[in-house]
Amino acid sequence: MESAVADAPLVMDANETGTTDAPGDPDASACAALAGDLAKAKARARDCMLASGQCTTTVNDECDCPVIVATAGSAASTDYSNAVAAYLAACKKPATCGTCPQLGATASWACLQPMGVIHCTPPSD
């Protein structure tokens, strides 16, 4: 037999609102954390070794745009692809996605050390 107990009233402080996310809506704080993970994974995937012949392959980012990475199939590139998939599964494609940038010929990218960081660098960096 079910008891007829009323729910306690919802008490909010002055900073809260009565709205909640609809089921299935991405959690903003979770998406922000995943975006941070995504940025770190992308940076690791672009890390390279000077004079290595790396930086000639791409993987797709969260906007489905190609991103140059150091080595195809490396742990870092795979981690980045997995981070993209996790982000898209939880947060969907960002509203900020637009037209993908033109990468130019991947052969023109190089492993350089601008500003002290060694990573795949486009000719314009």
PDB file of N, CA and C in Angstrom:
ATOM      1  N   MET A   1       0.834  -1.178   0.000  1.00  0.00           N
ATOM      2  CA  MET A   1       0.000   0.000   0.000  1.00  0.00           C
ATOM      3  C   MET A   1       0.879   1.242   0.000  1.00  0.00           C
ATOM      4  N   GLU A   2       0.617   2.142  -0.931  1.00  0.00           N
ATOM      5  CA  GLU A   2       1.415   3.355  -1.033  1.00  0.00           C
ATOM      6  C   GLU A   2       0.961   4.373  -0.005  1.00  0.00           C
ATOM      7  N   SER A   3       1.934   5.048   0.585  1.00  0.00           N
ATOM      8  CA  SER A   3       1.564   6.099   1.524  1.00  0.00           C
ATOM      9  C   SER A   3       1.435   7.401   0.766  1.00  0.00           C
ATOM     10  N   ALA A   4       0.564   8.216   1.197  1.00  0.00           N
ATOM     11  CA  ALA A   4       0.325   9.507   0.545  1.00  0.00           C
ATOM     12  C   ALA A   4       1.105  10.573   1.282  1.00  0.00           C
ATOM     13  N   VAL A   5       2.397  10.612   1.046  1.00  0.00           N
ATOM     14  CA  VAL A   5       3.248  11.607   1.675  1.00  0.00           C
ATOM     15  C   VAL A   5       3.537  12.682   0.639  1.00  0.00           C
ATOM     16  N   ALA A   6       3.265  13.905   1.000  1.00  0.00           N
ATOM     17  CA  ALA A   6       3.512  15.021   0.088  1.00  0.00           C
ATOM     18  C   ALA A   6       4.996  15.330   0.046  1.00  0.00           C
ATOM     19  N   ASP A   7       5.464  15.724  -1.140  1.00  0.00           N
ATOM     20  CA  ASP A   7       6.851  16.151  -1.251  1.00  0.00           C
ATOM     21  C   ASP A   7       7.048  17.425  -0.454  1.00  0.00           C
ATOM     22  N   ALA A   8       8.237  17.563   0.095  1.00  0.00           N
ATOM     23  CA  ALA A   8       8.560  18.793   0.813  1.00  0.00           C
ATOM     24  C   ALA A   8       8.639  19.926  -0.196  1.00  0.00           C
ATOM     25  N   PRO A   9       8.303  21.129   0.215  1.00  0.00           N
ATOM     26  CA  PRO A   9       8.380  22.253  -0.724  1.00  0.00           C
ATOM     27  C   PRO A   9       9.826  22.488  -1.145  1.00  0.00           C
ATOM     28  N   LEU A  10       9.986  22.934  -2.381  1.00  0.00           N
ATOM     29  CA  LEU A  10      11.298  23.240  -2.917  1.00  0.00           C
ATOM     30  C   LEU A  10      11.714  24.601  -2.404  1.00  0.00           C
ATOM     31  N   VAL A  11      12.844  24.638  -1.717  1.00  0.00           N
ATOM     32  CA  VAL A  11      13.347  25.887  -1.170  1.00  0.00           C
ATOM     33  C   VAL A  11      14.596  26.262  -1.946  1.00  0.00           C
ATOM     34  N   MET A  12      14.586  27.466  -2.520  1.00  0.00           N
ATOM     35  CA  MET A  12      15.726  27.932  -3.303  1.00  0.00           C
ATOM     36  C   MET A  12      16.287  29.190  -2.681  1.00  0.00           C
ATOM     37  N   ASP A  13      17.590  29.381  -2.839  1.00  0.00           N
ATOM     38  CA  ASP A  13      18.146  30.642  -2.368  1.00  0.00           C
ATOM     39  C   ASP A  13      18.002  31.693  -3.471  1.00  0.00           C
ATOM     40  N   ALA A  14      18.440  32.890  -3.223  1.00  0.00           N
ATOM     41  CA  ALA A  14      18.237  34.005  -4.155  1.00  0.00           C
ATOM     42  C   ALA A  14      18.985  33.818  -5.473  1.00  0.00           C
ATOM     43  N   ASN A  15      20.001  32.973  -5.498  1.00  0.00           N
ATOM     44  CA  ASN A  15      20.787  32.780  -6.715  1.00  0.00           C
ATOM     45  C   ASN A  15      20.242  31.682  -7.607  1.00  0.00           C
ATOM     46  N   GLU A  16      19.276  30.917  -7.150  1.00  0.00           N
ATOM     47  CA  GLU A  16      18.751  29.806  -7.928  1.00  0.00           C
ATOM     48  C   GLU A  16      17.482  30.208  -8.660  1.00  0.00           C
ATOM     49  N   THR A  17      17.204  29.468  -9.712  1.00  0.00           N
ATOM     50  CA  THR A  17      15.959  29.673 -10.439  1.00  0.00           C
ATOM     51  C   THR A  17      15.171  28.382 -10.390  1.00  0.00           C
ATOM     52  N   GLY A  18      13.951  28.421 -10.779  1.00  0.00           N
ATOM     53  CA  GLY A  18      13.112  27.240 -10.759  1.00  0.00           C
ATOM     54  C   GLY A  18      13.232  26.386 -12.005  1.00  0.00           C
ATOM     55  N   THR A  19      14.129  26.714 -12.913  1.00  0.00           N
ATOM     56  CA  THR A  19      14.247  25.930 -14.132  1.00  0.00           C
ATOM     57  C   THR A  19      15.283  24.827 -13.954  1.00  0.00           C
ATOM     58  N   THR A  20      15.098  23.755 -14.679  1.00  0.00           N
ATOM     59  CA  THR A  20      16.060  22.653 -14.672  1.00  0.00           C
ATOM     60  C   THR A  20      16.305  22.246 -16.112  1.00  0.00           C
ATOM     61  N   ASP A  21      17.369  21.521 -16.324  1.00  0.00           N
ATOM     62  CA  ASP A  21      17.642  20.989 -17.658  1.00  0.00           C
ATOM     63  C   ASP A  21      16.609  19.934 -17.989  1.00  0.00           C
ATOM     64  N   ALA A  22      16.186  19.911 -19.222  1.00  0.00           N
ATOM     65  CA  ALA A  22      15.288  18.855 -19.669  1.00  0.00           C
ATOM     66  C   ALA A  22      16.096  17.568 -19.775  1.00  0.00           C
ATOM     67  N   PRO A  23      15.449  16.425 -19.621  1.00  0.00           N
ATOM     68  CA  PRO A  23      16.186  15.177 -19.759  1.00  0.00           C
ATOM     69  C   PRO A  23      16.890  15.127 -21.106  1.00  0.00           C
ATOM     70  N   GLY A  24      18.135  14.707 -21.083  1.00  0.00           N
ATOM     71  CA  GLY A  24      18.897  14.615 -22.314  1.00  0.00           C
ATOM     72  C   GLY A  24      19.667  15.874 -22.668  1.00  0.00           C
ATOM     73  N   ASP A  25      19.380  16.994 -21.982  1.00  0.00           N
ATOM     74  CA  ASP A  25      20.142  18.209 -22.235  1.00  0.00           C
ATOM     75  C   ASP A  25      21.534  18.053 -21.647  1.00  0.00           C
ATOM     76  N   PRO A  26      22.545  18.547 -22.346  1.00  0.00           N
ATOM     77  CA  PRO A  26      23.899  18.430 -21.812  1.00  0.00           C
ATOM     78  C   PRO A  26      24.063  19.251 -20.538  1.00  0.00           C
ATOM     79  N   ASP A  27      24.808  18.726 -19.618  1.00  0.00           N
ATOM     80  CA  ASP A  27      25.135  19.406 -18.370  1.00  0.00           C
ATOM     81  C   ASP A  27      26.271  20.382 -18.672  1.00  0.00           C
ATOM     82  N   ALA A  28      26.043  21.666 -18.455  1.00  0.00           N
ATOM     83  CA  ALA A  28      27.034  22.689 -18.822  1.00  0.00           C
ATOM     84  C   ALA A  28      28.369  22.465 -18.132  1.00  0.00           C
ATOM     85  N   SER A  29      28.356  22.107 -16.861  1.00  0.00           N
ATOM     86  CA  SER A  29      29.634  21.918 -16.166  1.00  0.00           C
ATOM     87  C   SER A  29      30.354  20.670 -16.678  1.00  0.00           C
ATOM     88  N   ALA A  30      29.613  19.625 -16.983  1.00  0.00           N
ATOM     89  CA  ALA A  30      30.230  18.414 -17.537  1.00  0.00           C
ATOM     90  C   ALA A  30      30.808  18.707 -18.918  1.00  0.00           C
ATOM     91  N   CYS A  31      30.090  19.478 -19.721  1.00  0.00           N
ATOM     92  CA  CYS A  31      30.578  19.825 -21.055  1.00  0.00           C
ATOM     93  C   CYS A  31      31.814  20.711 -20.969  1.00  0.00           C
ATOM     94  N   ALA A  32      31.844  21.605 -20.002  1.00  0.00           N
ATOM     95  CA  ALA A  32      33.029  22.449 -19.827  1.00  0.00           C
ATOM     96  C   ALA A  32      34.239  21.588 -19.453  1.00  0.00           C
ATOM     97  N   ALA A  33      34.026  20.601 -18.596  1.00  0.00           N
ATOM     98  CA  ALA A  33      35.120  19.703 -18.211  1.00  0.00           C
ATOM     99  C   ALA A  33      35.581  18.879 -19.413  1.00  0.00           C
ATOM    100  N   LEU A  34      34.624  18.374 -20.186  1.00  0.00           N
ATOM    101  CA  LEU A  34      34.978  17.596 -21.381  1.00  0.00           C
ATOM    102  C   LEU A  34      35.695  18.463 -22.415  1.00  0.00           C
ATOM    103  N   ALA A  35      35.292  19.734 -22.536  1.00  0.00           N
ATOM    104  CA  ALA A  35      35.967  20.650 -23.461  1.00  0.00           C
ATOM    105  C   ALA A  35      37.413  20.872 -23.026  1.00  0.00           C
ATOM    106  N   GLY A  36      37.644  20.955 -21.726  1.00  0.00           N
ATOM    107  CA  GLY A  36      39.009  21.085 -21.212  1.00  0.00           C
ATOM    108  C   GLY A  36      39.835  19.851 -21.520  1.00  0.00           C
ATOM    109  N   ASP A  37      39.226  18.666 -21.320  1.00  0.00           N
ATOM    110  CA  ASP A  37      39.905  17.411 -21.648  1.00  0.00           C
ATOM    111  C   ASP A  37      40.223  17.353 -23.139  1.00  0.00           C
ATOM    112  N   LEU A  38      39.283  17.813 -23.944  1.00  0.00           N
ATOM    113  CA  LEU A  38      39.442  17.810 -25.395  1.00  0.00           C
ATOM    114  C   LEU A  38      40.614  18.701 -25.813  1.00  0.00           C
ATOM    115  N   ALA A  39      40.712  19.882 -25.230  1.00  0.00           N
ATOM    116  CA  ALA A  39      41.803  20.799 -25.568  1.00  0.00           C
ATOM    117  C   ALA A  39      43.159  20.207 -25.190  1.00  0.00           C
ATOM    118  N   LYS A  40      43.225  19.560 -24.027  1.00  0.00           N
ATOM    119  CA  LYS A  40      44.486  18.932 -23.600  1.00  0.00           C
ATOM    120  C   LYS A  40      44.856  17.780 -24.528  1.00  0.00           C
ATOM    121  N   ALA A  41      43.874  16.962 -24.889  1.00  0.00           N
ATOM    122  CA  ALA A  41      44.136  15.828 -25.781  1.00  0.00           C
ATOM    123  C   ALA A  41      44.585  16.311 -27.157  1.00  0.00           C
ATOM    124  N   LYS A  42      43.975  17.402 -27.646  1.00  0.00           N
ATOM    125  CA  LYS A  42      44.370  17.963 -28.941  1.00  0.00           C
ATOM    126  C   LYS A  42      45.819  18.440 -28.888  1.00  0.00           C
ATOM    127  N   ALA A  43      46.191  19.121 -27.818  1.00  0.00           N
ATOM    128  CA  ALA A  43      47.560  19.613 -27.685  1.00  0.00           C
ATOM    129  C   ALA A  43      48.550  18.443 -27.667  1.00  0.00           C
ATOM    130  N   ARG A  44      48.216  17.371 -26.936  1.00  0.00           N
ATOM    131  CA  ARG A  44      49.104  16.202 -26.891  1.00  0.00           C
ATOM    132  C   ARG A  44      49.208  15.539 -28.265  1.00  0.00           C
ATOM    133  N   ALA A  45      48.102  15.507 -29.009  1.00  0.00           N
ATOM    134  CA  ALA A  45      48.117  14.888 -30.337  1.00  0.00           C
ATOM    135  C   ALA A  45      48.965  15.700 -31.324  1.00  0.00           C
ATOM    136  N   ARG A  46      49.137  16.981 -31.065  1.00  0.00           N
ATOM    137  CA  ARG A  46      49.947  17.841 -31.942  1.00  0.00           C
ATOM    138  C   ARG A  46      51.398  17.935 -31.488  1.00  0.00           C
ATOM    139  N   ASP A  47      51.712  17.378 -30.301  1.00  0.00           N
ATOM    140  CA  ASP A  47      53.103  17.350 -29.847  1.00  0.00           C
ATOM    141  C   ASP A  47      53.905  16.475 -30.800  1.00  0.00           C
ATOM    142  N   CYS A  48      55.089  16.904 -31.147  1.00  0.00           N
ATOM    143  CA  CYS A  48      55.893  16.162 -32.119  1.00  0.00           C
ATOM    144  C   CYS A  48      57.369  16.281 -31.775  1.00  0.00           C
ATOM    145  N   MET A  49      58.185  15.587 -32.545  1.00  0.00           N
ATOM    146  CA  MET A  49      59.639  15.650 -32.379  1.00  0.00           C
ATOM    147  C   MET A  49      60.224  16.417 -33.556  1.00  0.00           C
ATOM    148  N   LEU A  50      61.092  17.354 -33.272  1.00  0.00           N
ATOM    149  CA  LEU A  50      61.719  18.165 -34.318  1.00  0.00           C
ATOM    150  C   LEU A  50      62.406  17.272 -35.345  1.00  0.00           C
ATOM    151  N   ALA A  51      62.348  17.668 -36.601  1.00  0.00           N
ATOM    152  CA  ALA A  51      62.977  16.961 -37.722  1.00  0.00           C
ATOM    153  C   ALA A  51      62.549  15.498 -37.797  1.00  0.00           C
ATOM    154  N   SER A  52      61.278  15.238 -37.521  1.00  0.00           N
ATOM    155  CA  SER A  52      60.791  13.854 -37.462  1.00  0.00           C
ATOM    156  C   SER A  52      59.973  13.445 -38.680  1.00  0.00           C
ATOM    157  N   GLY A  53      59.568  14.403 -39.499  1.00  0.00           N
ATOM    158  CA  GLY A  53      58.690  14.085 -40.622  1.00  0.00           C
ATOM    159  C   GLY A  53      57.251  13.867 -40.192  1.00  0.00           C
ATOM    160  N   GLN A  54      56.911  14.265 -38.983  1.00  0.00           N
ATOM    161  CA  GLN A  54      55.538  14.126 -38.486  1.00  0.00           C
ATOM    162  C   GLN A  54      54.683  15.281 -39.000  1.00  0.00           C
ATOM    163  N   CYS A  55      53.442  15.338 -38.537  1.00  0.00           N
ATOM    164  CA  CYS A  55      52.514  16.431 -38.846  1.00  0.00           C
ATOM    165  C   CYS A  55      52.021  16.381 -40.286  1.00  0.00           C
ATOM    166  N   THR A  56      51.735  15.198 -40.790  1.00  0.00           N
ATOM    167  CA  THR A  56      51.249  15.060 -42.161  1.00  0.00           C
ATOM    168  C   THR A  56      49.916  14.333 -42.236  1.00  0.00           C
ATOM    169  N   THR A  57      49.230  14.190 -41.105  1.00  0.00           N
ATOM    170  CA  THR A  57      47.947  13.482 -41.097  1.00  0.00           C
ATOM    171  C   THR A  57      46.929  14.250 -40.272  1.00  0.00           C
ATOM    172  N   THR A  58      45.661  13.962 -40.491  1.00  0.00           N
ATOM    173  CA  THR A  58      44.599  14.676 -39.782  1.00  0.00           C
ATOM    174  C   THR A  58      43.648  13.699 -39.096  1.00  0.00           C
ATOM    175  N   VAL A  59      42.962  14.219 -38.085  1.00  0.00           N
ATOM    176  CA  VAL A  59      41.796  13.576 -37.483  1.00  0.00           C
ATOM    177  C   VAL A  59      40.730  14.659 -37.398  1.00  0.00           C
ATOM    178  N   ASN A  60      39.476  14.282 -37.242  1.00  0.00           N
ATOM    179  CA  ASN A  60      38.405  15.278 -37.177  1.00  0.00           C
ATOM    180  C   ASN A  60      38.153  15.720 -35.747  1.00  0.00           C
ATOM    181  N   ASP A  61      37.876  17.014 -35.598  1.00  0.00           N
ATOM    182  CA  ASP A  61      37.587  17.580 -34.284  1.00  0.00           C
ATOM    183  C   ASP A  61      36.090  17.537 -33.988  1.00  0.00           C
ATOM    184  N   GLU A  62      35.668  18.192 -32.920  1.00  0.00           N
ATOM    185  CA  GLU A  62      34.264  18.190 -32.500  1.00  0.00           C
ATOM    186  C   GLU A  62      33.342  18.907 -33.477  1.00  0.00           C
ATOM    187  N   CYS A  63      33.902  19.688 -34.395  1.00  0.00           N
ATOM    188  CA  CYS A  63      33.117  20.364 -35.427  1.00  0.00           C
ATOM    189  C   CYS A  63      33.164  19.602 -36.748  1.00  0.00           C
ATOM    190  N   ASP A  64      33.769  18.430 -36.726  1.00  0.00           N
ATOM    191  CA  ASP A  64      33.968  17.579 -37.901  1.00  0.00           C
ATOM    192  C   ASP A  64      34.906  18.233 -38.909  1.00  0.00           C
ATOM    193  N   CYS A  65      35.839  19.041 -38.384  1.00  0.00           N
ATOM    194  CA  CYS A  65      36.857  19.677 -39.209  1.00  0.00           C
ATOM    195  C   CYS A  65      38.175  18.929 -39.026  1.00  0.00           C
ATOM    196  N   PRO A  66      38.985  18.853 -40.082  1.00  0.00           N
ATOM    197  CA  PRO A  66      40.274  18.173 -39.945  1.00  0.00           C
ATOM    198  C   PRO A  66      41.247  18.971 -39.079  1.00  0.00           C
ATOM    199  N   VAL A  67      42.001  18.253 -38.259  1.00  0.00           N
ATOM    200  CA  VAL A  67      43.023  18.835 -37.394  1.00  0.00           C
ATOM    201  C   VAL A  67      44.312  18.062 -37.646  1.00  0.00           C
ATOM    202  N   ILE A  68      45.387  18.763 -37.898  1.00  0.00           N
ATOM    203  CA  ILE A  68      46.684  18.115 -38.092  1.00  0.00           C
ATOM    204  C   ILE A  68      47.151  17.541 -36.762  1.00  0.00           C
ATOM    205  N   VAL A  69      47.597  16.295 -36.793  1.00  0.00           N
ATOM    206  CA  VAL A  69      48.184  15.657 -35.613  1.00  0.00           C
ATOM    207  C   VAL A  69      49.569  15.132 -35.985  1.00  0.00           C
ATOM    208  N   ALA A  70      50.365  14.842 -34.977  1.00  0.00           N
ATOM    209  CA  ALA A  70      51.743  14.429 -35.219  1.00  0.00           C
ATOM    210  C   ALA A  70      51.827  13.098 -35.955  1.00  0.00           C
ATOM    211  N   THR A  71      51.162  12.077 -35.443  1.00  0.00           N
ATOM    212  CA  THR A  71      51.299  10.739 -36.000  1.00  0.00           C
ATOM    213  C   THR A  71      49.957  10.030 -36.039  1.00  0.00           C
ATOM    214  N   ALA A  72      49.586   9.527 -37.184  1.00  0.00           N
ATOM    215  CA  ALA A  72      48.341   8.768 -37.312  1.00  0.00           C
ATOM    216  C   ALA A  72      48.435   7.499 -36.483  1.00  0.00           C
ATOM    217  N   GLY A  73      47.391   7.175 -35.774  1.00  0.00           N
ATOM    218  CA  GLY A  73      47.332   5.933 -35.020  1.00  0.00           C
ATOM    219  C   GLY A  73      48.139   5.924 -33.738  1.00  0.00           C
ATOM    220  N   SER A  74      48.781   7.027 -33.396  1.00  0.00           N
ATOM    221  CA  SER A  74      49.531   7.078 -32.136  1.00  0.00           C
ATOM    222  C   SER A  74      48.554   7.091 -30.966  1.00  0.00           C
ATOM    223  N   ALA A  75      49.059   6.797 -29.781  1.00  0.00           N
ATOM    224  CA  ALA A  75      48.219   6.820 -28.580  1.00  0.00           C
ATOM    225  C   ALA A  75      47.606   8.211 -28.392  1.00  0.00           C
ATOM    226  N   ALA A  76      48.405   9.260 -28.634  1.00  0.00           N
ATOM    227  CA  ALA A  76      47.899  10.631 -28.454  1.00  0.00           C
ATOM    228  C   ALA A  76      46.804  10.960 -29.458  1.00  0.00           C
ATOM    229  N   SER A  77      46.963  10.543 -30.711  1.00  0.00           N
ATOM    230  CA  SER A  77      45.932  10.792 -31.725  1.00  0.00           C
ATOM    231  C   SER A  77      44.664  10.001 -31.425  1.00  0.00           C
ATOM    232  N   THR A  78      44.842   8.766 -30.978  1.00  0.00           N
ATOM    233  CA  THR A  78      43.691   7.941 -30.602  1.00  0.00           C
ATOM    234  C   THR A  78      42.975   8.534 -29.395  1.00  0.00           C
ATOM    235  N   ASP A  79      43.742   8.999 -28.408  1.00  0.00           N
ATOM    236  CA  ASP A  79      43.138   9.636 -27.233  1.00  0.00           C
ATOM    237  C   ASP A  79      42.342  10.867 -27.644  1.00  0.00           C
ATOM    238  N   TYR A  80      42.877  11.644 -28.588  1.00  0.00           N
ATOM    239  CA  TYR A  80      42.163  12.831 -29.058  1.00  0.00           C
ATOM    240  C   TYR A  80      40.868  12.433 -29.761  1.00  0.00           C
ATOM    241  N   SER A  81      40.928  11.442 -30.643  1.00  0.00           N
ATOM    242  CA  SER A  81      39.711  10.970 -31.321  1.00  0.00           C
ATOM    243  C   SER A  81      38.683  10.474 -30.314  1.00  0.00           C
ATOM    244  N   ASN A  82      39.138   9.775 -29.280  1.00  0.00           N
ATOM    245  CA  ASN A  82      38.225   9.293 -28.230  1.00  0.00           C
ATOM    246  C   ASN A  82      37.639  10.451 -27.427  1.00  0.00           C
ATOM    247  N   ALA A  83      38.444  11.479 -27.168  1.00  0.00           N
ATOM    248  CA  ALA A  83      37.944  12.658 -26.444  1.00  0.00           C
ATOM    249  C   ALA A  83      36.895  13.391 -27.275  1.00  0.00           C
ATOM    250  N   VAL A  84      37.106  13.466 -28.586  1.00  0.00           N
ATOM    251  CA  VAL A  84      36.112  14.074 -29.481  1.00  0.00           C
ATOM    252  C   VAL A  84      34.810  13.284 -29.409  1.00  0.00           C
ATOM    253  N   ALA A  85      34.904  11.958 -29.487  1.00  0.00           N
ATOM    254  CA  ALA A  85      33.698  11.108 -29.433  1.00  0.00           C
ATOM    255  C   ALA A  85      32.970  11.264 -28.103  1.00  0.00           C
ATOM    256  N   ALA A  86      33.714  11.316 -27.003  1.00  0.00           N
ATOM    257  CA  ALA A  86      33.095  11.487 -25.684  1.00  0.00           C
ATOM    258  C   ALA A  86      32.391  12.838 -25.584  1.00  0.00           C
ATOM    259  N   TYR A  87      33.050  13.874 -26.096  1.00  0.00           N
ATOM    260  CA  TYR A  87      32.447  15.210 -26.073  1.00  0.00           C
ATOM    261  C   TYR A  87      31.153  15.234 -26.884  1.00  0.00           C
ATOM    262  N   LEU A  88      31.200  14.702 -28.084  1.00  0.00           N
ATOM    263  CA  LEU A  88      30.014  14.713 -28.950  1.00  0.00           C
ATOM    264  C   LEU A  88      28.880  13.880 -28.364  1.00  0.00           C
ATOM    265  N   ALA A  89      29.200  12.764 -27.724  1.00  0.00           N
ATOM    266  CA  ALA A  89      28.166  11.915 -27.121  1.00  0.00           C
ATOM    267  C   ALA A  89      27.466  12.629 -25.975  1.00  0.00           C
ATOM    268  N   ALA A  90      28.224  13.396 -25.203  1.00  0.00           N
ATOM    269  CA  ALA A  90      27.649  14.056 -24.029  1.00  0.00           C
ATOM    270  C   ALA A  90      27.101  15.448 -24.323  1.00  0.00           C
ATOM    271  N   CYS A  91      27.723  16.157 -25.243  1.00  0.00           N
ATOM    272  CA  CYS A  91      27.423  17.584 -25.403  1.00  0.00           C
ATOM    273  C   CYS A  91      26.922  17.987 -26.777  1.00  0.00           C
ATOM    274  N   LYS A  92      26.997  17.120 -27.739  1.00  0.00           N
ATOM    275  CA  LYS A  92      26.601  17.406 -29.127  1.00  0.00           C
ATOM    276  C   LYS A  92      27.581  18.376 -29.770  1.00  0.00           C
ATOM    277  N   LYS A  93      27.413  18.626 -31.045  1.00  0.00           N
ATOM    278  CA  LYS A  93      28.283  19.522 -31.800  1.00  0.00           C
ATOM    279  C   LYS A  93      28.112  20.949 -31.284  1.00  0.00           C
ATOM    280  N   PRO A  94      29.199  21.650 -30.996  1.00  0.00           N
ATOM    281  CA  PRO A  94      29.088  23.017 -30.466  1.00  0.00           C
ATOM    282  C   PRO A  94      28.385  23.965 -31.440  1.00  0.00           C
ATOM    283  N   ALA A  95      27.623  24.877 -30.895  1.00  0.00           N
ATOM    284  CA  ALA A  95      26.932  25.874 -31.716  1.00  0.00           C
ATOM    285  C   ALA A  95      27.927  26.825 -32.376  1.00  0.00           C
ATOM    286  N   THR A  96      29.144  26.876 -31.861  1.00  0.00           N
ATOM    287  CA  THR A  96      30.157  27.782 -32.398  1.00  0.00           C
ATOM    288  C   THR A  96      30.831  27.241 -33.647  1.00  0.00           C
ATOM    289  N   CYS A  97      30.517  26.012 -34.036  1.00  0.00           N
ATOM    290  CA  CYS A  97      31.124  25.443 -35.248  1.00  0.00           C
ATOM    291  C   CYS A  97      30.610  26.196 -36.464  1.00  0.00           C
ATOM    292  N   GLY A  98      31.499  26.484 -37.355  1.00  0.00           N
ATOM    293  CA  GLY A  98      31.139  27.147 -38.601  1.00  0.00           C
ATOM    294  C   GLY A  98      31.800  26.415 -39.746  1.00  0.00           C
ATOM    295  N   THR A  99      32.269  27.171 -40.691  1.00  0.00           N
ATOM    296  CA  THR A  99      32.989  26.598 -41.819  1.00  0.00           C
ATOM    297  C   THR A  99      34.368  26.151 -41.344  1.00  0.00           C
ATOM    298  N   CYS A 100      34.753  24.982 -41.765  1.00  0.00           N
ATOM    299  CA  CYS A 100      36.071  24.463 -41.377  1.00  0.00           C
ATOM    300  C   CYS A 100      37.169  25.311 -42.004  1.00  0.00           C
ATOM    301  N   PRO A 101      38.244  25.564 -41.249  1.00  0.00           N
ATOM    302  CA  PRO A 101      39.357  26.324 -41.812  1.00  0.00           C
ATOM    303  C   PRO A 101      40.085  25.511 -42.876  1.00  0.00           C
ATOM    304  N   GLN A 102      40.657  26.196 -43.829  1.00  0.00           N
ATOM    305  CA  GLN A 102      41.460  25.542 -44.860  1.00  0.00           C
ATOM    306  C   GLN A 102      42.832  25.232 -44.274  1.00  0.00           C
ATOM    307  N   LEU A 103      43.229  23.975 -44.317  1.00  0.00           N
ATOM    308  CA  LEU A 103      44.521  23.592 -43.754  1.00  0.00           C
ATOM    309  C   LEU A 103      45.670  23.782 -44.727  1.00  0.00           C
ATOM    310  N   GLY A 104      45.369  23.835 -45.994  1.00  0.00           N
ATOM    311  CA  GLY A 104      46.442  23.857 -46.972  1.00  0.00           C
ATOM    312  C   GLY A 104      47.027  22.463 -47.080  1.00  0.00           C
ATOM    313  N   ALA A 105      48.076  22.323 -47.807  1.00  0.00           N
ATOM    314  CA  ALA A 105      48.720  21.016 -47.971  1.00  0.00           C
ATOM    315  C   ALA A 105      49.362  20.609 -46.654  1.00  0.00           C
ATOM    316  N   THR A 106      49.050  19.390 -46.204  1.00  0.00           N
ATOM    317  CA  THR A 106      49.633  18.943 -44.937  1.00  0.00           C
ATOM    318  C   THR A 106      51.151  18.869 -45.022  1.00  0.00           C
ATOM    319  N   ALA A 107      51.690  18.730 -46.216  1.00  0.00           N
ATOM    320  CA  ALA A 107      53.147  18.687 -46.373  1.00  0.00           C
ATOM    321  C   ALA A 107      53.788  20.013 -45.977  1.00  0.00           C
ATOM    322  N   SER A 108      53.010  21.107 -45.963  1.00  0.00           N
ATOM    323  CA  SER A 108      53.571  22.403 -45.591  1.00  0.00           C
ATOM    324  C   SER A 108      53.573  22.622 -44.081  1.00  0.00           C
ATOM    325  N   TRP A 109      52.916  21.746 -43.323  1.00  0.00           N
ATOM    326  CA  TRP A 109      52.946  21.829 -41.868  1.00  0.00           C
ATOM    327  C   TRP A 109      54.279  21.272 -41.405  1.00  0.00           C
ATOM    328  N   ALA A 110      54.741  21.728 -40.273  1.00  0.00           N
ATOM    329  CA  ALA A 110      56.029  21.255 -39.772  1.00  0.00           C
ATOM    330  C   ALA A 110      55.992  21.154 -38.260  1.00  0.00           C
ATOM    331  N   CYS A 111      56.894  20.368 -37.739  1.00  0.00           N
ATOM    332  CA  CYS A 111      57.084  20.268 -36.299  1.00  0.00           C
ATOM    333  C   CYS A 111      58.058  21.373 -35.919  1.00  0.00           C
ATOM    334  N   LEU A 112      57.542  22.423 -35.312  1.00  0.00           N
ATOM    335  CA  LEU A 112      58.341  23.596 -34.968  1.00  0.00           C
ATOM    336  C   LEU A 112      58.217  23.901 -33.485  1.00  0.00           C
ATOM    337  N   GLN A 113      59.008  24.847 -33.044  1.00  0.00           N
ATOM    338  CA  GLN A 113      59.007  25.230 -31.633  1.00  0.00           C
ATOM    339  C   GLN A 113      58.707  26.718 -31.470  1.00  0.00           C
ATOM    340  N   PRO A 114      57.498  27.166 -31.883  1.00  0.00           N
ATOM    341  CA  PRO A 114      57.180  28.583 -31.659  1.00  0.00           C
ATOM    342  C   PRO A 114      56.870  28.814 -30.180  1.00  0.00           C
ATOM    343  N   MET A 115      57.416  29.849 -29.629  1.00  0.00           N
ATOM    344  CA  MET A 115      57.143  30.239 -28.248  1.00  0.00           C
ATOM    345  C   MET A 115      57.448  29.115 -27.262  1.00  0.00           C
ATOM    346  N   GLY A 116      58.455  28.310 -27.546  1.00  0.00           N
ATOM    347  CA  GLY A 116      58.918  27.307 -26.601  1.00  0.00           C
ATOM    348  C   GLY A 116      58.186  25.986 -26.582  1.00  0.00           C
ATOM    349  N   VAL A 117      57.136  25.834 -27.366  1.00  0.00           N
ATOM    350  CA  VAL A 117      56.353  24.598 -27.381  1.00  0.00           C
ATOM    351  C   VAL A 117      56.561  23.900 -28.715  1.00  0.00           C
ATOM    352  N   ILE A 118      56.957  22.635 -28.667  1.00  0.00           N
ATOM    353  CA  ILE A 118      57.181  21.880 -29.902  1.00  0.00           C
ATOM    354  C   ILE A 118      55.875  21.199 -30.290  1.00  0.00           C
ATOM    355  N   HIS A 119      55.303  21.607 -31.419  1.00  0.00           N
ATOM    356  CA  HIS A 119      54.068  20.992 -31.902  1.00  0.00           C
ATOM    357  C   HIS A 119      53.908  21.226 -33.396  1.00  0.00           C
ATOM    358  N   CYS A 120      52.934  20.488 -33.974  1.00  0.00           N
ATOM    359  CA  CYS A 120      52.635  20.650 -35.396  1.00  0.00           C
ATOM    360  C   CYS A 120      52.149  22.078 -35.619  1.00  0.00           C
ATOM    361  N   THR A 121      52.784  22.749 -36.554  1.00  0.00           N
ATOM    362  CA  THR A 121      52.541  24.172 -36.756  1.00  0.00           C
ATOM    363  C   THR A 121      52.245  24.447 -38.216  1.00  0.00           C
ATOM    364  N   PRO A 122      51.142  25.146 -38.498  1.00  0.00           N
ATOM    365  CA  PRO A 122      50.846  25.499 -39.897  1.00  0.00           C
ATOM    366  C   PRO A 122      51.818  26.568 -40.381  1.00  0.00           C
ATOM    367  N   PRO A 123      51.921  26.732 -41.663  1.00  0.00           N
ATOM    368  CA  PRO A 123      52.859  27.715 -42.202  1.00  0.00           C
ATOM    369  C   PRO A 123      52.593  29.138 -41.725  1.00  0.00           C
ATOM    370  N   SER A 124      51.363  29.465 -41.365  1.00  0.00           N
ATOM    371  CA  SER A 124      51.026  30.834 -40.963  1.00  0.00           C
ATOM    372  C   SER A 124      51.319  31.111 -39.501  1.00  0.00           C
ATOM    373  N   ASP A 125      51.605  30.088 -38.682  1.00  0.00           N
ATOM    374  CA  ASP A 125      51.881  30.322 -37.252  1.00  0.00           C
ATOM    375  C   ASP A 125      53.243  30.920 -37.037  1.00  0.00           C
TER     376      ASP A 125
END
